[in-house]
Amino acid sequence: MLNNAAIVFTILTGVIALYQLFLALGMPWGAASMGGRFPGKYPPKMRIVALVNVFVLLFFAMVVLAEANMFFRFLKPVSGIGIWFIAAFYFLTTILNAISPAKIERIWVPVAFIQLISVIMVALGFK
């Protein structure tokens, strides 16, 4: 179950990373992100933020996979603590998406919630 939780987390994180990459490349999907403050294409500064998000999300996935003893074992010395920061991040992400003034952004609530549950399962070592 631990590996399944890590895989679910990684797949969903990959989907969000791709979404962020598309925002960075100029796709007009800004209404479903950042509270809908940038509908349409992101301005140049926000595209850079979206690109940074891609790398942060990929790092999160690497930490979760390391904590599940699947891949990236070189991160194991920091994954035990890092996983709880990731859990806190997804706790806040779930809440912020749920209270977003942009209705379309609320589509991310179930995704963030599943990420939260899966990262907690990995953190607690569910087998």
Protein backbone atom coordinates (compact mmCIF):
# COMPACT_ATOMS: atom_id res chain seq x y z
CA MET A 1 0.00 0.00 0.00
CA LEU A 2 2.95 2.30 0.69
CA ASN A 3 4.19 1.97 -2.88
CA ASN A 4 0.68 2.48 -4.26
CA ALA A 5 0.28 5.68 -2.23
CA ALA A 6 3.64 6.96 -3.49
CA ILE A 7 2.69 6.13 -7.07
CA VAL A 8 -0.70 7.86 -6.77
CA PHE A 9 1.00 10.91 -5.31
CA THR A 10 3.62 10.94 -8.06
CA ILE A 11 1.09 10.59 -10.88
CA LEU A 12 -1.12 13.39 -9.54
CA THR A 13 1.91 15.57 -8.90
CA GLY A 14 3.03 14.91 -12.48
CA VAL A 15 -0.37 16.06 -13.76
CA ILE A 16 -0.11 19.28 -11.76
CA ALA A 17 3.49 19.78 -12.90
CA LEU A 18 2.37 19.43 -16.52
CA TYR A 19 -0.43 21.93 -15.90
CA GLN A 20 2.12 24.36 -14.45
CA LEU A 21 4.42 23.77 -17.41
CA PHE A 22 1.60 24.55 -19.82
CA LEU A 23 0.86 27.75 -17.88
CA ALA A 24 4.54 28.67 -18.17
CA LEU A 25 4.39 28.03 -21.92
CA GLY A 26 1.45 30.41 -22.30
CA MET A 27 -1.64 28.23 -22.27
CA PRO A 28 -4.69 30.35 -21.37
CA TRP A 29 -5.61 28.37 -18.24
CA GLY A 30 -4.79 30.97 -15.61
CA ALA A 31 -8.38 31.17 -14.36
CA ALA A 32 -7.95 27.77 -12.68
CA SER A 33 -4.89 28.85 -10.70
CA MET A 34 -3.81 31.49 -8.19
CA GLY A 35 -7.39 32.31 -7.22
CA GLY A 36 -8.16 33.22 -10.82
CA ARG A 37 -6.14 36.44 -10.54
CA PHE A 38 -4.59 35.88 -13.96
CA PRO A 39 -7.32 34.62 -16.29
CA GLY A 40 -6.12 33.62 -19.71
CA LYS A 41 -2.37 33.55 -20.27
CA TYR A 42 -0.09 34.22 -17.36
CA PRO A 43 1.99 37.41 -17.53
CA PRO A 44 5.76 36.85 -17.95
CA LYS A 45 6.58 36.99 -14.21
CA MET A 46 3.88 34.44 -13.40
CA ARG A 47 5.18 32.17 -16.15
CA ILE A 48 8.50 32.09 -14.32
CA VAL A 49 6.66 31.29 -11.09
CA ALA A 50 4.83 28.45 -12.87
CA LEU A 51 8.14 27.09 -14.16
CA VAL A 52 9.63 27.18 -10.64
CA ASN A 53 6.50 25.34 -9.46
CA VAL A 54 7.25 22.56 -11.92
CA PHE A 55 10.64 21.96 -10.31
CA VAL A 56 9.26 22.21 -6.76
CA LEU A 57 6.53 19.69 -7.57
CA LEU A 58 9.00 17.29 -9.15
CA PHE A 59 11.20 17.58 -6.06
CA PHE A 60 8.17 16.79 -3.87
CA ALA A 61 7.56 13.64 -5.92
CA MET A 62 11.21 12.65 -5.56
CA VAL A 63 11.06 13.06 -1.77
CA VAL A 64 7.89 10.96 -1.54
CA LEU A 65 9.41 8.23 -3.70
CA ALA A 66 12.55 8.31 -1.55
CA GLU A 67 10.55 8.02 1.66
CA ALA A 68 8.69 5.04 0.16
CA ASN A 69 12.11 3.44 -0.61
CA MET A 70 11.28 3.26 -4.30
CA PHE A 71 13.66 5.70 -6.01
CA PHE A 72 15.96 8.64 -5.26
CA ARG A 73 17.38 6.98 -2.16
CA PHE A 74 20.02 9.69 -1.98
CA LEU A 75 17.21 11.89 -0.60
CA LYS A 76 16.47 9.45 2.24
CA PRO A 77 18.43 11.51 4.81
CA VAL A 78 16.00 14.43 4.32
CA SER A 79 12.85 12.61 3.24
CA GLY A 80 11.72 11.76 6.78
CA ILE A 81 11.37 15.42 7.69
CA GLY A 82 10.64 16.67 4.18
CA ILE A 83 7.60 14.46 3.81
CA TRP A 84 5.89 16.27 6.68
CA PHE A 85 6.55 19.63 5.04
CA ILE A 86 4.98 18.23 1.88
CA ALA A 87 1.99 16.99 3.89
CA ALA A 88 1.56 20.46 5.41
CA PHE A 89 1.82 21.98 1.93
CA TYR A 90 -0.97 19.75 0.60
CA PHE A 91 -3.10 20.39 3.68
CA LEU A 92 -2.90 24.12 2.94
CA THR A 93 -3.31 23.56 -0.79
CA THR A 94 -6.51 21.61 -0.23
CA ILE A 95 -7.94 24.37 1.96
CA LEU A 96 -6.86 27.20 -0.35
CA ASN A 97 -8.31 25.47 -3.40
CA ALA A 98 -11.57 24.85 -1.52
CA ILE A 99 -11.97 28.51 -0.56
CA SER A 100 -10.72 29.94 -3.85
CA PRO A 101 -12.82 32.79 -5.22
CA ALA A 102 -12.37 31.20 -8.66
CA LYS A 103 -14.94 28.40 -8.93
CA ILE A 104 -12.92 26.67 -11.65
CA GLU A 105 -9.92 26.40 -9.32
CA ARG A 106 -11.98 24.22 -6.98
CA ILE A 107 -11.55 21.37 -9.46
CA TRP A 108 -8.15 20.88 -7.80
CA VAL A 109 -9.63 20.17 -4.35
CA PRO A 110 -10.06 16.41 -4.83
CA VAL A 111 -6.63 16.17 -6.46
CA ALA A 112 -4.92 18.01 -3.59
CA PHE A 113 -6.88 16.00 -1.02
CA ILE A 114 -5.84 12.69 -2.59
CA GLN A 115 -2.25 13.95 -2.66
CA LEU A 116 -2.55 14.84 1.04
CA ILE A 117 -3.91 11.43 1.98
CA SER A 118 -1.31 9.59 -0.09
CA VAL A 119 1.61 11.59 1.29
CA ILE A 120 0.39 10.99 4.85
CA MET A 121 0.16 7.26 4.10
CA VAL A 122 3.77 7.30 2.93
CA ALA A 123 4.87 9.41 5.90
CA LEU A 124 3.26 6.98 8.33
CA GLY A 125 4.71 4.00 6.51
CA PHE A 126 1.44 2.23 5.67
CA LYS A 127 2.27 -1.21 4.33
